[in-house]
């Protein structure tokens, strides 16, 4: 699943808000570090459009690999190392 996958259905807004709130309430997120979540959970609970809009609103960035999404809970640039 890529970060630009189309939304397949509309998730419940209250569940989405609660999930996002819980994600960013973690100690790591509050400290400006990174949090990891399942791309399946994003699609099923929040929806990609809502998730990406929330990332943008917060000034955060994220990467996806092997079904996991790592969110960098700060506005610092992300550097990638290794082969492209």
C-alpha atoms as a PDB file:
ATOM      1  CA  UNK A   1       0.000   0.000   0.000  1.00  0.00           C
ATOM      2  CA  UNK A   2       1.498   3.317  -0.963  1.00  0.00           C
ATOM      3  CA  UNK A   3       0.934   6.648   0.717  1.00  0.00           C
ATOM      4  CA  UNK A   4      -0.987   7.793  -2.344  1.00  0.00           C
ATOM      5  CA  UNK A   5      -3.434   4.880  -2.496  1.00  0.00           C
ATOM      6  CA  UNK A   6      -7.027   5.918  -3.155  1.00  0.00           C
ATOM      7  CA  UNK A   7      -9.433   5.876  -0.244  1.00  0.00           C
ATOM      8  CA  UNK A   8     -11.692   2.821  -0.565  1.00  0.00           C
ATOM      9  CA  UNK A   9     -14.366   3.802   1.946  1.00  0.00           C
ATOM     10  CA  UNK A  10     -15.077   6.500   4.489  1.00  0.00           C
ATOM     11  CA  UNK A  11     -13.888   5.589   7.986  1.00  0.00           C
ATOM     12  CA  UNK A  12     -15.816   6.654  11.096  1.00  0.00           C
ATOM     13  CA  UNK A  13     -14.766  10.231  11.959  1.00  0.00           C
ATOM     14  CA  UNK A  14     -14.815   9.703  15.736  1.00  0.00           C
ATOM     15  CA  UNK A  15     -12.690   6.564  15.477  1.00  0.00           C
ATOM     16  CA  UNK A  16     -10.264   8.373  13.156  1.00  0.00           C
ATOM     17  CA  UNK A  17      -9.947  11.364  15.495  1.00  0.00           C
ATOM     18  CA  UNK A  18      -9.387   9.080  18.489  1.00  0.00           C
ATOM     19  CA  UNK A  19      -6.767   7.011  16.632  1.00  0.00           C
ATOM     20  CA  UNK A  20      -4.839  10.110  15.538  1.00  0.00           C
ATOM     21  CA  UNK A  21      -5.059  11.571  19.037  1.00  0.00           C
ATOM     22  CA  UNK A  22      -3.689   8.342  20.545  1.00  0.00           C
ATOM     23  CA  UNK A  23      -0.888   8.169  17.957  1.00  0.00           C
ATOM     24  CA  UNK A  24       0.356  11.670  18.750  1.00  0.00           C
ATOM     25  CA  UNK A  25      -0.161  11.346  22.519  1.00  0.00           C
ATOM     26  CA  UNK A  26       2.736   8.911  22.840  1.00  0.00           C
ATOM     27  CA  UNK A  27       5.843  10.026  24.698  1.00  0.00           C
ATOM     28  CA  UNK A  28       7.952   9.696  21.536  1.00  0.00           C
ATOM     29  CA  UNK A  29       5.593  11.866  19.499  1.00  0.00           C
ATOM     30  CA  UNK A  30       5.427  14.539  22.191  1.00  0.00           C
ATOM     31  CA  UNK A  31       9.253  14.553  22.322  1.00  0.00           C
ATOM     32  CA  UNK A  32       9.486  15.167  18.559  1.00  0.00           C
ATOM     33  CA  UNK A  33      10.759  11.671  17.807  1.00  0.00           C
ATOM     34  CA  UNK A  34       9.170   9.064  15.527  1.00  0.00           C
ATOM     35  CA  UNK A  35       6.189   6.757  15.857  1.00  0.00           C
ATOM     36  CA  UNK A  36       5.401   3.714  13.743  1.00  0.00           C
ATOM     37  CA  UNK A  37       2.010   2.403  12.751  1.00  0.00           C
ATOM     38  CA  UNK A  38       0.549  -0.072  10.304  1.00  0.00           C
ATOM     39  CA  UNK A  39      -0.402   1.151   6.836  1.00  0.00           C
ATOM     40  CA  UNK A  40      -3.409  -1.175   7.131  1.00  0.00           C
ATOM     41  CA  UNK A  41      -4.553   0.645  10.273  1.00  0.00           C
ATOM     42  CA  UNK A  42      -4.195   3.992   8.548  1.00  0.00           C
ATOM     43  CA  UNK A  43      -6.324   2.842   5.637  1.00  0.00           C
ATOM     44  CA  UNK A  44      -8.914   1.028   7.776  1.00  0.00           C
ATOM     45  CA  UNK A  45      -9.297   3.476  10.663  1.00  0.00           C
ATOM     46  CA  UNK A  46      -8.356   6.915   9.390  1.00  0.00           C
ATOM     47  CA  UNK A  47      -8.097   6.820   5.595  1.00  0.00           C
ATOM     48  CA  UNK A  48      -5.067   8.013   3.657  1.00  0.00           C
ATOM     49  CA  UNK A  49      -6.509  11.394   2.720  1.00  0.00           C
ATOM     50  CA  UNK A  50      -7.240  12.286   6.349  1.00  0.00           C
ATOM     51  CA  UNK A  51      -3.881  10.932   7.538  1.00  0.00           C
ATOM     52  CA  UNK A  52      -1.892  12.860   4.927  1.00  0.00           C
ATOM     53  CA  UNK A  53      -3.842  16.054   5.597  1.00  0.00           C
ATOM     54  CA  UNK A  54      -3.120  15.684   9.317  1.00  0.00           C
ATOM     55  CA  UNK A  55       0.604  15.129   8.634  1.00  0.00           C
ATOM     56  CA  UNK A  56       0.674  18.266   6.522  1.00  0.00           C
ATOM     57  CA  UNK A  57      -1.207  20.299   9.118  1.00  0.00           C
ATOM     58  CA  UNK A  58       1.303  19.288  11.800  1.00  0.00           C
ATOM     59  CA  UNK A  59       4.335  19.833   9.549  1.00  0.00           C
ATOM     60  CA  UNK A  60       5.390  16.189   9.989  1.00  0.00           C
ATOM     61  CA  UNK A  61       6.713  13.766   7.374  1.00  0.00           C
ATOM     62  CA  UNK A  62       6.410  10.003   7.032  1.00  0.00           C
ATOM     63  CA  UNK A  63       7.855   7.067   5.143  1.00  0.00           C
ATOM     64  CA  UNK A  64       6.285   3.696   4.341  1.00  0.00           C
ATOM     65  CA  UNK A  65       8.064   0.361   4.017  1.00  0.00           C
ATOM     66  CA  UNK A  66       6.818  -3.223   4.219  1.00  0.00           C
ATOM     67  CA  UNK A  67       3.395  -2.243   5.516  1.00  0.00           C
ATOM     68  CA  UNK A  68       4.693   0.040   8.263  1.00  0.00           C
ATOM     69  CA  UNK A  69       4.563   3.825   8.301  1.00  0.00           C
ATOM     70  CA  UNK A  70       7.096   5.774  10.331  1.00  0.00           C
ATOM     71  CA  UNK A  71       5.987   9.284  11.213  1.00  0.00           C
ATOM     72  CA  UNK A  72       8.661  11.829  12.090  1.00  0.00           C
ATOM     73  CA  UNK A  73       6.969  14.033  14.675  1.00  0.00           C
ATOM     74  CA  UNK A  74       8.973  17.153  13.938  1.00  0.00           C
ATOM     75  CA  UNK A  75       9.519  19.485  11.011  1.00  0.00           C
ATOM     76  CA  UNK A  76      13.171  18.584  10.449  1.00  0.00           C
ATOM     77  CA  UNK A  77      14.300  17.286   7.033  1.00  0.00           C
ATOM     78  CA  UNK A  78      14.496  13.510   6.563  1.00  0.00           C
ATOM     79  CA  UNK A  79      17.627  12.047   4.996  1.00  0.00           C
ATOM     80  CA  UNK A  80      17.593   8.690   3.267  1.00  0.00           C
ATOM     81  CA  UNK A  81      20.666   6.430   3.344  1.00  0.00           C
ATOM     82  CA  UNK A  82      21.364   3.376   1.230  1.00  0.00           C
ATOM     83  CA  UNK A  83      20.513   2.417  -2.337  1.00  0.00           C
ATOM     84  CA  UNK A  84      17.589   4.168  -3.974  1.00  0.00           C
END
